[in-house]
């Protein structure tokens, strides 16, 4: 049975001996082949890249040492000699960093779904049990009837901690609350092509839910715009902060709302992140002059402060409310801290996706695939790491098929 205890205010969970079974392959007869050498080349390169370039390596050093040893052993097994097996070795290494901003540029039909873009609900341990804190509107979980506040009792037929343990393979003796939360939500997203079932407790009732596929239908436009009562201009960026056409679409949407007196910028559907070439021009419509909006932390080798410049034929004036939630990711998070740091918007919502730092890609020598991970920290202009920053006006942001509480809170403030 798993046990909980607290050390210096941090909830930890001891994970039991069955985890060692995940590495029973180490007892198999080693295979020496060209395929083995390619897998080992990728593992060794990945190991060294993380040690030398990963922005948050210090907090994961012990885990990573064990991860690399286990991956080298796994590279010699028959299962690793196929393309899918080779990929699976690297995917299991990615898991051990418990960082949703680490990814490979390749996946298979059975690869883990990415969080947040491939997930649709978010759990957190509350008083020793996993509780649903967010449900993505329009998603499989929302359609199945999952609600904020539900207590998760089973994930795919397993107790939640047993399910989470499948994603924790190295340094299993003690797992921090942060790593456990990552593992729970990784298992909640599940694997491509696999079913996702939950048993949740709601009051005294146990409810069995078939969640289906997580992703909501794609939006029809890059930017959704409408005029709300009280001459409030509402603009929602639809997971398009990496699209070069989004700036033009945003400008066109602004023009349709030129008579608005107050504004809502909805960043709750930006899980795929984006780039500064899209985000900064959008921010530029809300300010005058040139102002700092974000800083870069340790290991960044360029100018540490990023600026945004006023842009466009007219400047957006009036109060601005910004909505964020668990599917506000990466550059969406950068825009949120930008609005806050520029003192140009009041940010409503919950903790965001927490996609830490700025990402770079590196090619692996054996396969030619690439791994991407954060190589430097990103910070609010006041100095707080972006992934630790929280909206100053907390409200449930992702409420499934329920009422849009964050939108209502923003409208109440603007009214």
Protein backbone atom coordinates (compact mmCIF):
# COMPACT_ATOMS: atom_id res chain seq x y z
CA UNK A 1 0.00 0.00 0.00
CA UNK A 2 1.28 3.49 -0.88
CA UNK A 3 2.00 5.88 1.98
CA UNK A 4 1.88 9.66 2.29
CA UNK A 5 3.84 11.93 4.57
CA UNK A 6 4.96 15.55 4.69
CA UNK A 7 8.52 16.90 4.70
CA UNK A 8 8.98 20.68 5.10
CA UNK A 9 5.46 21.30 3.85
CA UNK A 10 5.86 19.19 0.69
CA UNK A 11 3.55 16.24 0.16
CA UNK A 12 5.52 13.18 -0.92
CA UNK A 13 4.45 9.69 -1.88
CA UNK A 14 6.53 6.57 -1.48
CA UNK A 15 6.20 4.33 -4.51
CA UNK A 16 6.47 0.63 -3.95
CA UNK A 17 8.65 -2.17 -5.27
CA UNK A 18 6.47 -3.25 -8.24
CA UNK A 19 7.98 -0.39 -10.26
CA UNK A 20 11.16 -2.43 -10.66
CA UNK A 21 9.19 -4.78 -12.88
CA UNK A 22 9.11 -2.04 -15.51
CA UNK A 23 12.79 -2.70 -16.07
CA UNK A 24 12.74 -6.51 -16.09
CA UNK A 25 14.13 -6.24 -19.63
CA UNK A 26 17.56 -5.71 -18.02
CA UNK A 27 17.67 -9.46 -17.36
CA UNK A 28 17.30 -10.31 -21.07
CA UNK A 29 20.24 -11.30 -23.24
CA UNK A 30 21.76 -8.06 -24.67
CA UNK A 31 21.47 -7.50 -28.42
CA UNK A 32 24.41 -6.06 -30.37
CA UNK A 33 23.35 -4.72 -33.76
CA UNK A 34 23.37 -1.57 -35.88
CA UNK A 35 19.92 -0.77 -34.51
CA UNK A 36 21.23 -1.12 -30.96
CA UNK A 37 24.07 1.27 -31.69
CA UNK A 38 21.62 3.83 -33.15
CA UNK A 39 19.39 3.66 -30.08
CA UNK A 40 22.39 3.99 -27.78
CA UNK A 41 23.69 6.94 -29.77
CA UNK A 42 20.36 8.72 -29.30
CA UNK A 43 20.21 7.86 -25.59
CA UNK A 44 23.76 9.09 -24.94
CA UNK A 45 23.20 12.29 -26.90
CA UNK A 46 19.87 12.96 -25.13
CA UNK A 47 21.51 12.34 -21.76
CA UNK A 48 24.33 14.79 -22.41
CA UNK A 49 22.07 17.45 -23.93
CA UNK A 50 19.88 17.47 -20.83
CA UNK A 51 22.90 17.60 -18.52
CA UNK A 52 24.47 20.52 -20.37
CA UNK A 53 21.54 22.51 -21.76
CA UNK A 54 18.30 21.79 -19.87
CA UNK A 55 17.34 24.88 -17.86
CA UNK A 56 15.96 22.95 -14.88
CA UNK A 57 18.47 20.10 -14.72
CA UNK A 58 19.58 20.66 -11.12
CA UNK A 59 16.18 19.66 -9.71
CA UNK A 60 16.19 16.44 -11.76
CA UNK A 61 19.85 15.39 -11.65
CA UNK A 62 19.37 12.24 -9.56
CA UNK A 63 16.37 11.11 -11.58
CA UNK A 64 18.19 11.74 -14.84
CA UNK A 65 21.24 9.70 -13.87
CA UNK A 66 19.02 6.67 -13.24
CA UNK A 67 16.98 7.39 -16.37
CA UNK A 68 20.08 7.26 -18.56
CA UNK A 69 21.36 4.03 -17.02
CA UNK A 70 18.02 2.32 -17.47
CA UNK A 71 17.59 3.59 -21.04
CA UNK A 72 21.03 2.24 -22.05
CA UNK A 73 20.04 -1.17 -20.70
CA UNK A 74 16.71 -1.03 -22.52
CA UNK A 75 18.49 -0.11 -25.78
CA UNK A 76 20.02 -3.61 -25.85
CA UNK A 77 16.70 -5.47 -25.71
CA UNK A 78 14.97 -6.98 -28.76
CA UNK A 79 12.00 -4.62 -28.30
CA UNK A 80 14.22 -1.60 -28.89
CA UNK A 81 15.41 -2.85 -32.31
CA UNK A 82 12.28 -1.68 -34.14
CA UNK A 83 11.43 1.92 -35.02
CA UNK A 84 8.50 1.93 -32.59
CA UNK A 85 10.63 0.37 -29.85
CA UNK A 86 13.42 2.89 -30.44
CA UNK A 87 10.87 5.71 -30.13
CA UNK A 88 9.38 4.21 -26.98
CA UNK A 89 12.79 4.23 -25.26
CA UNK A 90 13.08 7.97 -25.90
CA UNK A 91 9.47 8.64 -24.89
CA UNK A 92 10.07 6.95 -21.56
CA UNK A 93 13.13 9.16 -21.06
CA UNK A 94 11.00 12.25 -21.76
CA UNK A 95 8.53 11.10 -19.10
CA UNK A 96 11.21 11.12 -16.40
CA UNK A 97 11.76 14.88 -16.78
CA UNK A 98 8.07 15.42 -15.86
CA UNK A 99 8.07 18.60 -17.92
CA UNK A 100 5.31 19.18 -20.49
CA UNK A 101 7.62 21.52 -22.44
CA UNK A 102 9.88 18.57 -23.37
CA UNK A 103 8.88 16.72 -26.55
CA UNK A 104 10.05 14.78 -29.58
CA UNK A 105 9.29 15.81 -33.15
CA UNK A 106 7.88 12.37 -33.94
CA UNK A 107 5.11 10.16 -32.56
CA UNK A 108 3.44 6.86 -33.28
CA UNK A 109 -0.17 5.66 -33.17
CA UNK A 110 0.44 4.55 -29.57
CA UNK A 111 2.54 7.48 -28.29
CA UNK A 112 1.58 9.36 -25.14
CA UNK A 113 -0.79 12.25 -25.80
CA UNK A 114 0.80 15.62 -25.17
CA UNK A 115 -0.29 17.77 -22.25
CA UNK A 116 -1.92 20.27 -22.52
CA UNK A 117 -2.74 20.12 -26.26
CA UNK A 118 -3.84 16.47 -26.13
CA UNK A 119 -5.51 16.56 -22.71
CA UNK A 120 -8.96 17.67 -21.60
CA UNK A 121 -9.02 17.67 -17.81
CA UNK A 122 -6.66 18.53 -14.99
CA UNK A 123 -6.29 16.86 -11.58
CA UNK A 124 -4.56 17.91 -8.40
CA UNK A 125 -4.03 16.04 -5.15
CA UNK A 126 -6.31 17.53 -2.53
CA UNK A 127 -6.27 16.00 0.98
CA UNK A 128 -4.72 12.82 -0.41
CA UNK A 129 -7.10 12.24 -3.34
CA UNK A 130 -7.04 13.49 -6.95
CA UNK A 131 -9.70 16.12 -7.61
CA UNK A 132 -10.68 17.53 -11.01
CA UNK A 133 -9.86 21.26 -11.10
CA UNK A 134 -10.45 21.95 -14.81
CA UNK A 135 -12.38 20.45 -17.73
CA UNK A 136 -11.72 21.72 -21.24
CA UNK A 137 -14.94 23.00 -22.85
CA UNK A 138 -15.98 21.16 -26.01
CA UNK A 139 -13.71 18.20 -25.22
CA UNK A 140 -14.36 14.51 -24.79
CA UNK A 141 -14.30 14.89 -21.00
CA UNK A 142 -16.85 17.70 -21.13
CA UNK A 143 -19.13 15.72 -23.45
CA UNK A 144 -18.89 12.71 -21.12
CA UNK A 145 -20.11 14.84 -18.21
CA UNK A 146 -16.92 15.20 -16.15
CA UNK A 147 -17.22 18.14 -13.75
CA UNK A 148 -14.90 20.37 -11.79
CA UNK A 149 -14.87 19.04 -8.21
CA UNK A 150 -15.25 15.36 -9.14
CA UNK A 151 -12.99 13.03 -7.13
CA UNK A 152 -11.17 10.53 -9.35
CA UNK A 153 -11.35 6.98 -7.99
CA UNK A 154 -10.15 5.00 -11.03
CA UNK A 155 -8.22 5.74 -14.23
CA UNK A 156 -8.73 2.98 -16.82
CA UNK A 157 -9.69 0.50 -14.13
CA UNK A 158 -6.76 1.29 -11.81
CA UNK A 159 -6.54 3.33 -8.63
CA UNK A 160 -5.15 6.74 -9.63
CA UNK A 161 -1.81 6.31 -7.88
CA UNK A 162 -1.26 2.92 -9.50
CA UNK A 163 -2.03 4.46 -12.89
CA UNK A 164 0.35 7.36 -12.23
CA UNK A 165 3.12 4.94 -11.23
CA UNK A 166 3.30 3.64 -14.81
CA UNK A 167 4.83 6.96 -15.88
CA UNK A 168 7.39 7.07 -13.04
CA UNK A 169 10.22 4.67 -13.81
CA UNK A 170 13.44 6.17 -12.44
CA UNK A 171 14.12 7.22 -8.82
CA UNK A 172 10.86 5.69 -7.67
CA UNK A 173 11.72 5.63 -3.98
CA UNK A 174 10.44 9.16 -3.31
CA UNK A 175 8.35 11.26 -5.68
CA UNK A 176 7.59 14.95 -5.12
CA UNK A 177 4.09 16.37 -5.28
CA UNK A 178 5.00 18.11 -8.55
CA UNK A 179 6.15 14.88 -10.20
CA UNK A 180 3.09 12.99 -8.96
CA UNK A 181 0.75 15.67 -10.30
CA UNK A 182 2.52 15.47 -13.66
CA UNK A 183 2.14 11.67 -13.75
CA UNK A 184 -1.55 11.78 -12.84
CA UNK A 185 -2.32 14.23 -15.63
CA UNK A 186 -0.13 12.40 -18.14
CA UNK A 187 -2.16 9.25 -17.47
CA UNK A 188 -5.35 11.30 -17.62
CA UNK A 189 -4.44 12.31 -21.17
CA UNK A 190 -3.50 8.71 -21.93
CA UNK A 191 -2.09 7.25 -25.13
CA UNK A 192 -3.06 7.69 -28.75
CA UNK A 193 -5.57 5.11 -29.87
CA UNK A 194 -6.31 3.91 -26.33
CA UNK A 195 -9.62 4.25 -24.51
CA UNK A 196 -9.91 6.56 -21.53
CA UNK A 197 -12.30 5.62 -18.75
CA UNK A 198 -12.77 7.19 -15.35
CA UNK A 199 -14.69 6.33 -12.23
CA UNK A 200 -15.40 9.52 -10.30
CA UNK A 201 -17.14 10.23 -7.04
CA UNK A 202 -19.66 13.07 -7.01
CA UNK A 203 -21.15 13.42 -3.56
CA UNK A 204 -22.03 9.85 -2.58
CA UNK A 205 -22.43 8.65 -6.15
CA UNK A 206 -19.82 6.72 -8.18
CA UNK A 207 -20.01 7.49 -11.90
CA UNK A 208 -18.34 5.56 -14.74
CA UNK A 209 -17.34 7.84 -17.64
CA UNK A 210 -16.07 6.98 -21.13
CA UNK A 211 -14.12 10.09 -22.13
CA UNK A 212 -13.43 9.34 -25.78
CA UNK A 213 -10.98 11.53 -27.67
CA UNK A 214 -9.82 14.62 -25.75
CA UNK A 215 -9.45 17.31 -28.40
CA UNK A 216 -12.38 19.65 -29.08
CA UNK A 217 -13.33 20.46 -32.66
CA UNK A 218 -10.98 22.95 -34.29
CA UNK A 219 -12.18 26.55 -34.37
CA UNK A 220 -13.37 27.89 -37.70
CA UNK A 221 -11.29 31.08 -37.45
CA UNK A 222 -7.89 32.08 -36.10
CA UNK A 223 -9.53 34.74 -33.93
CA UNK A 224 -13.12 34.73 -32.71
CA UNK A 225 -14.64 38.20 -32.20
CA UNK A 226 -17.99 39.47 -31.01
CA UNK A 227 -19.50 42.49 -29.32
CA UNK A 228 -20.90 41.70 -25.85
CA UNK A 229 -23.52 43.74 -23.98
CA UNK A 230 -22.20 47.01 -22.60
CA UNK A 231 -20.02 47.62 -25.66
CA UNK A 232 -17.47 45.02 -24.55
CA UNK A 233 -15.27 43.78 -27.38
CA UNK A 234 -14.48 40.08 -26.99
CA UNK A 235 -11.52 38.52 -28.85
CA UNK A 236 -10.48 34.89 -28.46
CA UNK A 237 -7.24 33.62 -30.03
CA UNK A 238 -7.96 30.05 -31.19
CA UNK A 239 -4.70 28.16 -30.62
CA UNK A 240 -3.10 30.24 -33.36
CA UNK A 241 -0.18 32.04 -31.72
CA UNK A 242 2.21 30.13 -33.97
CA UNK A 243 0.37 31.03 -37.18
CA UNK A 244 1.88 33.86 -39.22
CA UNK A 245 -1.62 34.93 -40.34
CA UNK A 246 -2.91 35.50 -36.80
CA UNK A 247 -1.69 39.09 -36.50
CA UNK A 248 -3.61 40.06 -39.63
CA UNK A 249 -6.68 38.16 -38.37
CA UNK A 250 -6.45 39.91 -34.99
CA UNK A 251 -6.21 43.33 -36.63
CA UNK A 252 -9.24 42.55 -38.81
CA UNK A 253 -11.21 41.37 -35.75
CA UNK A 254 -10.30 44.58 -33.92
CA UNK A 255 -11.63 46.66 -36.78
CA UNK A 256 -15.03 44.94 -36.54
CA UNK A 257 -15.17 45.98 -32.86
CA UNK A 258 -13.88 49.51 -33.19
CA UNK A 259 -16.84 50.95 -31.30
CA UNK A 260 -16.13 48.87 -28.17
CA UNK A 261 -15.33 50.74 -24.96
CA UNK A 262 -13.94 47.84 -22.91
CA UNK A 263 -12.25 44.61 -23.87
CA UNK A 264 -11.88 40.91 -23.08
CA UNK A 265 -8.89 38.99 -24.50
CA UNK A 266 -9.47 35.25 -24.14
CA UNK A 267 -6.26 33.17 -24.11
CA UNK A 268 -7.83 29.97 -22.77
CA UNK A 269 -7.49 28.09 -26.08
CA UNK A 270 -3.75 28.46 -26.75
CA UNK A 271 -2.32 25.06 -25.63
CA UNK A 272 -0.04 24.80 -28.67
CA UNK A 273 1.88 27.94 -27.75
CA UNK A 274 3.41 30.04 -30.50
CA UNK A 275 6.10 32.65 -30.99
CA UNK A 276 6.94 36.24 -30.18
CA UNK A 277 6.56 37.27 -33.83
CA UNK A 278 2.81 36.76 -33.37
CA UNK A 279 2.33 37.70 -29.72
CA UNK A 280 4.29 40.95 -29.61
CA UNK A 281 2.43 42.71 -32.45
CA UNK A 282 -0.86 41.83 -30.75
CA UNK A 283 0.34 43.28 -27.45
CA UNK A 284 1.48 46.33 -29.40
CA UNK A 285 -2.13 47.30 -30.18
CA UNK A 286 -2.76 47.97 -26.47
CA UNK A 287 0.12 50.31 -25.52
CA UNK A 288 1.81 53.54 -26.48
CA UNK A 289 5.56 53.74 -27.09
CA UNK A 290 8.02 50.93 -26.35
CA UNK A 291 7.76 49.03 -23.07
CA UNK A 292 9.30 45.91 -21.46
CA UNK A 293 6.96 42.96 -21.00
CA UNK A 294 9.07 39.83 -20.26
CA UNK A 295 12.53 38.79 -19.08
CA UNK A 296 14.77 35.84 -19.87
CA UNK A 297 16.48 33.98 -17.06
CA UNK A 298 19.65 31.93 -16.55
CA UNK A 299 21.35 30.40 -19.59
CA UNK A 300 19.79 32.89 -22.02
CA UNK A 301 22.62 34.32 -24.07
CA UNK A 302 20.94 37.37 -25.61
CA UNK A 303 19.26 40.54 -24.39
CA UNK A 304 17.55 39.59 -21.13
CA UNK A 305 14.60 41.99 -21.42
CA UNK A 306 12.06 41.76 -24.25
CA UNK A 307 10.14 44.85 -25.35
CA UNK A 308 6.91 45.46 -27.21
CA UNK A 309 6.28 48.49 -29.43
CA UNK A 310 3.04 50.34 -30.14
CA UNK A 311 1.61 49.33 -33.51
CA UNK A 312 -1.36 49.80 -35.79
CA UNK A 313 -3.57 52.56 -37.16
CA UNK A 314 -5.32 53.03 -33.82
CA UNK A 315 -4.66 52.11 -30.21
CA UNK A 316 -7.01 49.99 -28.08
CA UNK A 317 -8.17 52.09 -25.15
CA UNK A 318 -10.33 51.31 -22.16
CA UNK A 319 -10.17 48.60 -19.52
CA UNK A 320 -8.95 45.15 -20.59
CA UNK A 321 -9.73 41.80 -18.94
CA UNK A 322 -7.58 38.79 -19.88
CA UNK A 323 -8.85 35.22 -19.43
CA UNK A 324 -6.42 32.32 -18.83
CA UNK A 325 -6.67 28.70 -17.77
CA UNK A 326 -5.07 25.26 -17.94
CA UNK A 327 -5.05 25.37 -21.78
CA UNK A 328 -3.21 28.69 -21.88
CA UNK A 329 0.20 27.45 -22.94
CA UNK A 330 3.69 28.78 -23.58
CA UNK A 331 3.34 31.96 -25.66
CA UNK A 332 -0.21 32.31 -24.35
CA UNK A 333 1.31 32.37 -20.89
CA UNK A 334 3.83 34.92 -22.13
CA UNK A 335 1.02 37.19 -23.33
CA UNK A 336 -0.76 36.86 -19.97
CA UNK A 337 2.29 37.94 -17.97
CA UNK A 338 2.85 40.60 -20.61
CA UNK A 339 -0.58 42.17 -20.15
CA UNK A 340 -0.03 42.03 -16.39
CA UNK A 341 3.54 43.38 -16.49
CA UNK A 342 2.56 46.19 -18.85
CA UNK A 343 -0.29 47.03 -16.44
CA UNK A 344 -2.57 46.88 -19.42
CA UNK A 345 -4.94 44.12 -18.35
CA UNK A 346 -6.48 42.47 -15.31
CA UNK A 347 -5.91 38.71 -15.59
CA UNK A 348 -8.72 36.36 -14.50
CA UNK A 349 -8.49 32.57 -14.26
CA UNK A 350 -6.50 29.72 -12.79
CA UNK A 351 -2.97 28.38 -12.99
CA UNK A 352 -2.00 28.11 -16.64
CA UNK A 353 -0.39 25.17 -18.47
CA UNK A 354 2.94 25.82 -16.72
CA UNK A 355 5.05 25.27 -19.86
CA UNK A 356 8.34 26.39 -18.41
CA UNK A 357 11.06 28.35 -20.15
CA UNK A 358 12.07 28.94 -23.75
CA UNK A 359 12.47 25.88 -25.97
CA UNK A 360 15.21 24.87 -28.40
CA UNK A 361 15.43 21.77 -30.62
CA UNK A 362 18.35 19.34 -30.98
CA UNK A 363 18.84 16.57 -33.54
CA UNK A 364 19.71 13.12 -32.22
CA UNK A 365 22.52 11.33 -34.12
CA UNK A 366 21.16 7.80 -34.30
CA UNK A 367 17.70 8.43 -35.72
CA UNK A 368 17.84 12.00 -36.96
CA UNK A 369 14.78 12.78 -34.83
CA UNK A 370 14.78 15.92 -32.72
CA UNK A 371 14.15 16.54 -29.05
CA UNK A 372 12.91 19.92 -27.83
CA UNK A 373 13.24 21.21 -24.28
CA UNK A 374 13.62 24.51 -22.38
CA UNK A 375 17.18 25.81 -22.29
CA UNK A 376 16.50 29.05 -20.40
CA UNK A 377 13.94 30.39 -17.97
CA UNK A 378 11.29 32.99 -18.85
CA UNK A 379 10.09 35.49 -16.27
CA UNK A 380 7.48 38.12 -15.55
CA UNK A 381 9.01 41.56 -15.89
CA UNK A 382 9.06 41.71 -12.07
CA UNK A 383 11.28 38.60 -11.92
CA UNK A 384 8.96 35.66 -11.13
CA UNK A 385 9.34 32.59 -13.37
CA UNK A 386 6.48 32.48 -15.84
CA UNK A 387 5.45 28.93 -14.92
CA UNK A 388 5.16 29.91 -11.24
CA UNK A 389 3.09 33.04 -11.87
CA UNK A 390 -0.61 32.90 -11.00
CA UNK A 391 -3.44 35.18 -12.16
CA UNK A 392 -4.11 37.84 -9.53
CA UNK A 393 -7.88 37.38 -9.93
CA UNK A 394 -8.59 33.66 -9.41
CA UNK A 395 -11.77 32.12 -10.80
CA UNK A 396 -12.60 28.74 -12.36
CA UNK A 397 -11.52 29.16 -15.98
CA UNK A 398 -12.27 25.79 -17.61
CA UNK A 399 -15.68 24.56 -16.49
CA UNK A 400 -16.52 21.90 -19.08
CA UNK A 401 -20.11 22.20 -20.24
CA UNK A 402 -20.98 24.37 -17.22
CA UNK A 403 -21.28 28.14 -16.93
CA UNK A 404 -18.37 30.29 -18.10
CA UNK A 405 -17.47 31.66 -14.68
CA UNK A 406 -14.30 33.45 -15.81
CA UNK A 407 -16.09 35.31 -18.59
CA UNK A 408 -18.81 36.34 -16.17
CA UNK A 409 -16.26 37.58 -13.62
CA UNK A 410 -14.55 39.66 -16.29
CA UNK A 411 -17.83 41.15 -17.48
CA UNK A 412 -18.84 42.00 -13.91
CA UNK A 413 -15.56 43.90 -13.44
CA UNK A 414 -15.87 45.71 -16.76
CA UNK A 415 -19.52 46.64 -16.19
